[in-house]
C-alpha atoms as a PDB file:
ATOM      1  CA  PHE A   1       1.164  12.551   8.002  1.00  0.00           C
ATOM      2  CA  PRO A   2       0.259  13.210  11.907  1.00  0.00           C
ATOM      3  CA  ASP A   3      -0.753  10.725  14.351  1.00  0.00           C
ATOM      4  CA  GLY A   4       1.115   7.894  12.093  1.00  0.00           C
ATOM      5  CA  THR A   5       3.769   6.049  13.975  1.00  0.00           C
ATOM      6  CA  LEU A   6       5.924   4.146  11.174  1.00  0.00           C
ATOM      7  CA  LEU A   7       7.075   6.915   9.102  1.00  0.00           C
ATOM      8  CA  GLN A   8      10.342   8.714  10.287  1.00  0.00           C
ATOM      9  CA  SER A   9      10.272  12.471   8.826  1.00  0.00           C
ATOM     10  CA  GLN A  10      12.518  11.390   6.153  1.00  0.00           C
ATOM     11  CA  HIS A  11       9.937   8.881   4.639  1.00  0.00           C
ATOM     12  CA  LYS A  12       7.213  11.663   4.959  1.00  0.00           C
ATOM     13  CA  LYS A  13       9.005  13.975   2.907  1.00  0.00           C
ATOM     14  CA  ILE A  14       9.860  11.112   0.536  1.00  0.00           C
ATOM     15  CA  LEU A  15       6.208  10.377  -0.021  1.00  0.00           C
ATOM     16  CA  ASN A  16       5.173  14.049  -0.962  1.00  0.00           C
ATOM     17  CA  GLN A  17       8.507  13.960  -3.399  1.00  0.00           C
ATOM     18  CA  PHE A  18       6.681  10.863  -4.798  1.00  0.00           C
ATOM     19  CA  TYR A  19       3.227  12.428  -4.842  1.00  0.00           C
ATOM     20  CA  HIS A  20       4.813  15.652  -6.268  1.00  0.00           C
ATOM     21  CA  LYS A  21       3.913  17.863  -3.639  1.00  0.00           C
ATOM     22  CA  ILE A  22       6.537  18.635  -0.938  1.00  0.00           C
ATOM     23  CA  TYR A  23       4.157  20.298   1.569  1.00  0.00           C
ATOM     24  CA  GLN A  24       0.655  18.093   0.854  1.00  0.00           C
ATOM     25  CA  ARG A  25      -1.113  17.335   4.276  1.00  0.00           C
ATOM     26  CA  TRP A  26      -2.293  13.747   4.915  1.00  0.00           C
ATOM     27  CA  GLU A  27      -4.854  12.280   7.418  1.00  0.00           C
ATOM     28  CA  LEU A  28      -4.626   8.845   9.357  1.00  0.00           C
ATOM     29  CA  ILE A  29      -8.179   7.413   8.760  1.00  0.00           C
ATOM     30  CA  TYR A  30      -7.166   3.409   9.843  1.00  0.00           C
ATOM     31  CA  LYS A  31      -4.468   2.123  11.658  1.00  0.00           C
ATOM     32  CA  GLY A  32      -4.593  -2.406  11.856  1.00  0.00           C
ATOM     33  CA  SER A  33      -3.360  -2.179  15.488  1.00  0.00           C
ATOM     34  CA  ARG A  34      -6.016   0.503  16.787  1.00  0.00           C
ATOM     35  CA  ASP A  35      -8.806  -0.497  14.083  1.00  0.00           C
ATOM     36  CA  GLY A  36      -8.373  -4.180  13.912  1.00  0.00           C
ATOM     37  CA  PHE A  37      -6.337  -6.094  10.854  1.00  0.00           C
ATOM     38  CA  HIS A  38      -9.732  -7.356   9.305  1.00  0.00           C
ATOM     39  CA  ALA A  39     -11.025  -6.195   5.936  1.00  0.00           C
ATOM     40  CA  ASP A  40     -14.588  -4.963   7.525  1.00  0.00           C
ATOM     41  CA  ALA A  41     -12.464  -2.752  10.011  1.00  0.00           C
ATOM     42  CA  PHE A  42     -10.527  -1.383   6.684  1.00  0.00           C
ATOM     43  CA  HIS A  43     -13.142  -0.745   4.690  1.00  0.00           C
ATOM     44  CA  SER A  44     -15.610   0.836   7.175  1.00  0.00           C
ATOM     45  CA  ARG A  45     -13.019   3.419   7.619  1.00  0.00           C
ATOM     46  CA  CYS A  46     -11.021   3.968   4.361  1.00  0.00           C
ATOM     47  CA  ASN A  47     -14.306   3.290   1.830  1.00  0.00           C
ATOM     48  CA  ASN A  48     -15.309   6.500  -0.052  1.00  0.00           C
ATOM     49  CA  GLU A  49     -12.312   8.992   1.603  1.00  0.00           C
ATOM     50  CA  GLY A  50     -10.770   9.840  -1.823  1.00  0.00           C
ATOM     51  CA  ALA A  51      -6.916   9.529  -2.351  1.00  0.00           C
ATOM     52  CA  THR A  52      -5.134   7.422   0.178  1.00  0.00           C
ATOM     53  CA  ILE A  53      -1.443   6.052   0.676  1.00  0.00           C
ATOM     54  CA  THR A  54      -0.987   2.633   2.355  1.00  0.00           C
ATOM     55  CA  ILE A  55       1.905   2.234   4.564  1.00  0.00           C
ATOM     56  CA  ILE A  56       2.496  -1.090   5.528  1.00  0.00           C
ATOM     57  CA  GLN A  57       5.013  -2.633   7.999  1.00  0.00           C
ATOM     58  CA  SER A  58       6.186  -6.330   8.017  1.00  0.00           C
ATOM     59  CA  ASP A  59       7.335  -8.159  10.798  1.00  0.00           C
ATOM     60  CA  GLN A  60      10.872  -7.627   9.843  1.00  0.00           C
ATOM     61  CA  ASN A  61      10.397  -4.470   9.808  1.00  0.00           C
ATOM     62  CA  TYR A  62      10.512  -2.995   6.449  1.00  0.00           C
ATOM     63  CA  LEU A  63       8.346  -0.423   5.303  1.00  0.00           C
ATOM     64  CA  PHE A  64       6.439   0.215   1.557  1.00  0.00           C
ATOM     65  CA  GLY A  65       2.916  -0.135   0.249  1.00  0.00           C
ATOM     66  CA  GLY A  66       0.528   2.233  -2.449  1.00  0.00           C
ATOM     67  CA  TYR A  67      -0.757   5.440  -3.478  1.00  0.00           C
ATOM     68  CA  THR A  68      -4.301   5.449  -5.493  1.00  0.00           C
ATOM     69  CA  SER A  69      -6.360   8.410  -6.235  1.00  0.00           C
ATOM     70  CA  VAL A  70      -9.372   6.283  -6.417  1.00  0.00           C
ATOM     71  CA  SER A  71     -11.541   5.800  -3.267  1.00  0.00           C
ATOM     72  CA  TRP A  72     -11.604   2.512  -1.895  1.00  0.00           C
ATOM     73  CA  THR A  73     -15.145   0.723  -2.049  1.00  0.00           C
ATOM     74  CA  SER A  74     -16.194  -3.168  -0.881  1.00  0.00           C
ATOM     75  CA  ASN A  75     -17.559  -3.213  -4.864  1.00  0.00           C
ATOM     76  CA  ASP A  76     -15.627  -6.026  -6.531  1.00  0.00           C
ATOM     77  CA  GLY A  77     -13.387  -5.717  -9.153  1.00  0.00           C
ATOM     78  CA  TYR A  78     -10.250  -3.839 -10.582  1.00  0.00           C
ATOM     79  CA  LYS A  79     -10.510   0.016 -10.652  1.00  0.00           C
ATOM     80  CA  THR A  80      -8.379   2.441 -13.182  1.00  0.00           C
ATOM     81  CA  ASP A  81      -6.377   4.512 -11.748  1.00  0.00           C
ATOM     82  CA  PRO A  82      -3.051   6.410 -13.944  1.00  0.00           C
ATOM     83  CA  THR A  83      -1.473   8.019 -11.132  1.00  0.00           C
ATOM     84  CA  ALA A  84      -1.071   4.570  -8.685  1.00  0.00           C
ATOM     85  CA  PHE A  85       2.513   3.930  -7.675  1.00  0.00           C
ATOM     86  CA  LEU A  86       3.433   1.498  -5.016  1.00  0.00           C
ATOM     87  CA  PHE A  87       6.844   1.928  -2.896  1.00  0.00           C
ATOM     88  CA  THR A  88       9.549   0.951  -0.942  1.00  0.00           C
ATOM     89  CA  LEU A  89      10.937   2.799   1.812  1.00  0.00           C
ATOM     90  CA  THR A  90      12.919   0.249   3.488  1.00  0.00           C
ATOM     91  CA  ASN A  91      14.095  -3.291   2.751  1.00  0.00           C
ATOM     92  CA  PRO A  92      16.259  -5.953   3.151  1.00  0.00           C
ATOM     93  CA  HIS A  93      18.013  -5.187  -0.148  1.00  0.00           C
ATOM     94  CA  ASN A  94      18.565  -2.072   0.936  1.00  0.00           C
ATOM     95  CA  ILE A  95      17.459  -0.060  -1.932  1.00  0.00           C
ATOM     96  CA  GLN A  96      16.962   3.589  -1.529  1.00  0.00           C
ATOM     97  CA  PRO A  97      12.989   4.589  -1.349  1.00  0.00           C
ATOM     98  CA  THR A  98      11.710   3.789  -4.797  1.00  0.00           C
ATOM     99  CA  LYS A  99       8.715   4.694  -6.219  1.00  0.00           C
ATOM    100  CA  TYR A 100       7.274   2.106  -8.847  1.00  0.00           C
ATOM    101  CA  PRO A 101       4.994   3.422 -11.264  1.00  0.00           C
ATOM    102  CA  ILE A 102       2.033   1.589 -13.163  1.00  0.00           C
ATOM    103  CA  LYS A 103       2.276   0.179 -16.156  1.00  0.00           C
ATOM    104  CA  SER A 104       1.248   2.238 -19.117  1.00  0.00           C
ATOM    105  CA  ASP A 105      -0.819  -1.117 -20.247  1.00  0.00           C
ATOM    106  CA  LYS A 106      -2.045  -1.820 -16.590  1.00  0.00           C
ATOM    107  CA  GLU A 107      -3.407   1.302 -15.278  1.00  0.00           C
ATOM    108  CA  ASP A 108      -7.406  -0.341 -15.619  1.00  0.00           C
ATOM    109  CA  GLU A 109      -5.820  -2.803 -12.771  1.00  0.00           C
ATOM    110  CA  ALA A 110      -4.502  -1.119 -10.490  1.00  0.00           C
ATOM    111  CA  VAL A 111      -6.298  -1.880  -7.188  1.00  0.00           C
ATOM    112  CA  CYS A 112      -8.652  -4.346  -6.269  1.00  0.00           C
ATOM    113  CA  HIS A 113     -11.399  -3.490  -4.419  1.00  0.00           C
ATOM    114  CA  ASN A 114     -13.003  -6.901  -2.483  1.00  0.00           C
ATOM    115  CA  SER A 115     -15.096  -6.650   0.522  1.00  0.00           C
ATOM    116  CA  ARG A 116     -12.775  -9.882   2.022  1.00  0.00           C
ATOM    117  CA  TYR A 117      -9.945  -7.909   2.000  1.00  0.00           C
ATOM    118  CA  GLY A 118      -8.122  -4.903   3.088  1.00  0.00           C
ATOM    119  CA  PRO A 119      -6.035  -3.001   0.077  1.00  0.00           C
ATOM    120  CA  ARG A 120      -4.867  -4.675  -2.642  1.00  0.00           C
ATOM    121  CA  PHE A 121      -3.239  -3.356  -5.421  1.00  0.00           C
ATOM    122  CA  GLY A 122      -2.324  -4.554  -9.253  1.00  0.00           C
ATOM    123  CA  LYS A 123      -3.927  -8.035 -10.653  1.00  0.00           C
ATOM    124  CA  GLY A 124      -2.543 -10.892  -9.259  1.00  0.00           C
ATOM    125  CA  ALA A 125      -1.924  -8.705  -6.722  1.00  0.00           C
ATOM    126  CA  ASP A 126       1.617  -6.899  -6.525  1.00  0.00           C
ATOM    127  CA  ILE A 127       0.766  -6.179  -3.070  1.00  0.00           C
ATOM    128  CA  SER A 128      -2.239  -7.893  -1.011  1.00  0.00           C
ATOM    129  CA  ALA A 129      -2.473  -6.853   2.628  1.00  0.00           C
ATOM    130  CA  GLY A 130      -5.423  -7.922   5.205  1.00  0.00           C
ATOM    131  CA  ASN A 131      -5.924 -11.206   3.304  1.00  0.00           C
ATOM    132  CA  GLY A 132      -9.467 -12.154   4.945  1.00  0.00           C
ATOM    133  CA  GLY A 133     -10.168 -13.025   8.562  1.00  0.00           C
ATOM    134  CA  THR A 134      -7.962 -11.697  11.299  1.00  0.00           C
ATOM    135  CA  SER A 135      -4.571 -13.350  10.428  1.00  0.00           C
ATOM    136  CA  ARG A 136      -1.962 -11.094   9.788  1.00  0.00           C
ATOM    137  CA  HIS A 137       0.339 -14.016   8.390  1.00  0.00           C
ATOM    138  CA  SER A 138       0.179 -15.197   5.070  1.00  0.00           C
ATOM    139  CA  GLN A 139       0.122 -11.599   3.238  1.00  0.00           C
ATOM    140  CA  TYR A 140       1.962 -11.746  -0.088  1.00  0.00           C
ATOM    141  CA  THR A 141       3.106  -9.490  -3.045  1.00  0.00           C
ATOM    142  CA  ASN A 142       3.090 -10.964  -6.601  1.00  0.00           C
ATOM    143  CA  PHE A 143       5.176  -8.015  -7.844  1.00  0.00           C
ATOM    144  CA  PRO A 144       5.909  -6.754 -10.560  1.00  0.00           C
ATOM    145  CA  THR A 145       2.339  -7.712 -12.168  1.00  0.00           C
ATOM    146  CA  THR A 146       0.940  -4.104 -12.704  1.00  0.00           C
ATOM    147  CA  TYR A 147       3.688  -1.888 -11.512  1.00  0.00           C
ATOM    148  CA  SER A 148       7.294  -1.755 -12.962  1.00  0.00           C
ATOM    149  CA  ASP A 149       9.716  -3.249 -11.187  1.00  0.00           C
ATOM    150  CA  THR A 150      13.156  -0.384 -11.861  1.00  0.00           C
ATOM    151  CA  THR A 151      15.135  -2.269  -9.125  1.00  0.00           C
ATOM    152  CA  GLU A 152      14.851  -5.660 -10.614  1.00  0.00           C
ATOM    153  CA  LYS A 153      14.052  -7.485  -7.099  1.00  0.00           C
ATOM    154  CA  GLY A 154      11.069  -9.025  -8.263  1.00  0.00           C
ATOM    155  CA  ASP A 155       8.184 -10.570  -5.635  1.00  0.00           C
ATOM    156  CA  THR A 156      11.216 -10.281  -2.654  1.00  0.00           C
ATOM    157  CA  THR A 157      11.550  -6.484  -2.836  1.00  0.00           C
ATOM    158  CA  PHE A 158       9.445  -5.425  -0.564  1.00  0.00           C
ATOM    159  CA  THR A 159      10.432  -8.305   2.173  1.00  0.00           C
ATOM    160  CA  GLY A 160      12.933 -10.444   0.361  1.00  0.00           C
ATOM    161  CA  ALA A 161       9.829 -13.037   0.411  1.00  0.00           C
ATOM    162  CA  LYS A 162       6.653 -13.556  -1.380  1.00  0.00           C
ATOM    163  CA  THR A 163       5.215 -13.677   1.683  1.00  0.00           C
ATOM    164  CA  PHE A 164       5.242 -11.824   4.671  1.00  0.00           C
ATOM    165  CA  THR A 165       3.318 -11.283   8.206  1.00  0.00           C
ATOM    166  CA  LEU A 166       1.550  -7.797   8.886  1.00  0.00           C
ATOM    167  CA  LEU A 167       2.911  -6.186  12.069  1.00  0.00           C
ATOM    168  CA  GLU A 168       1.156  -2.519  10.971  1.00  0.00           C
ATOM    169  CA  ILE A 169      -0.451  -0.861   8.252  1.00  0.00           C
ATOM    170  CA  GLU A 170      -1.228   2.766   8.534  1.00  0.00           C
ATOM    171  CA  VAL A 171      -3.872   4.442   5.541  1.00  0.00           C
ATOM    172  CA  PHE A 172      -3.635   8.040   5.130  1.00  0.00           C
ATOM    173  CA  LYS A 173      -6.258  10.287   3.020  1.00  0.00           C
ATOM    174  CA  LEU A 174      -5.566  13.423   1.024  1.00  0.00           C
ATOM    175  CA  VAL A 175      -6.650  16.223   3.153  1.00  0.00           C
END
C-alpha cells in the first residue's frame, strides 16, 4: 500500500491477511484530498482498474472500507462479486480489525455502480462514500444489508452512527 497515508504497517498486514495474500502489492489510484471528493474524480481514476480496496477515514478518524474484485464502472446497477468483503480497522466500539464477508444469498448485490456516486458496497448501501456533489457530509452506512455483521453492532459498526463525514478516502488497485 505505497503512497497512501491512512494505513499503519499493522493495518496493511491485516488487509493482506483479509485478502489471503500476505505479500500482496497494491497501488494508490485515488485519494480524495488529492483528486477531489466528487464522483467524477473517483470514476476517472478507478473505473476499469480491476480489483480494489477502498479505505475510508471518517471525521472521527475511524478507518473502514471494502474490497471488490469487480472493476468499478459508471454503468448503473449492482454487480456480482462472491469475494467482496467489508472491514473495520478502527472503530468506536474498540472491535479488533474485522472482515465482514458478503452474505451468500446477496452476492449479486456486492457493489453498486453509479456515475453520480463514489464507491458503494451492497444494496442499500452497507457503505456509501462520495454521495453526489463535492460535499463530504452525509455519507452513510446501512450495514448489514448485504454483508454479514459478525460483531452485531449494526449501522453503528464503522463510525458509531448511521451517517458520517468523510475526512479522507483512498482506493488501491491490485498490482
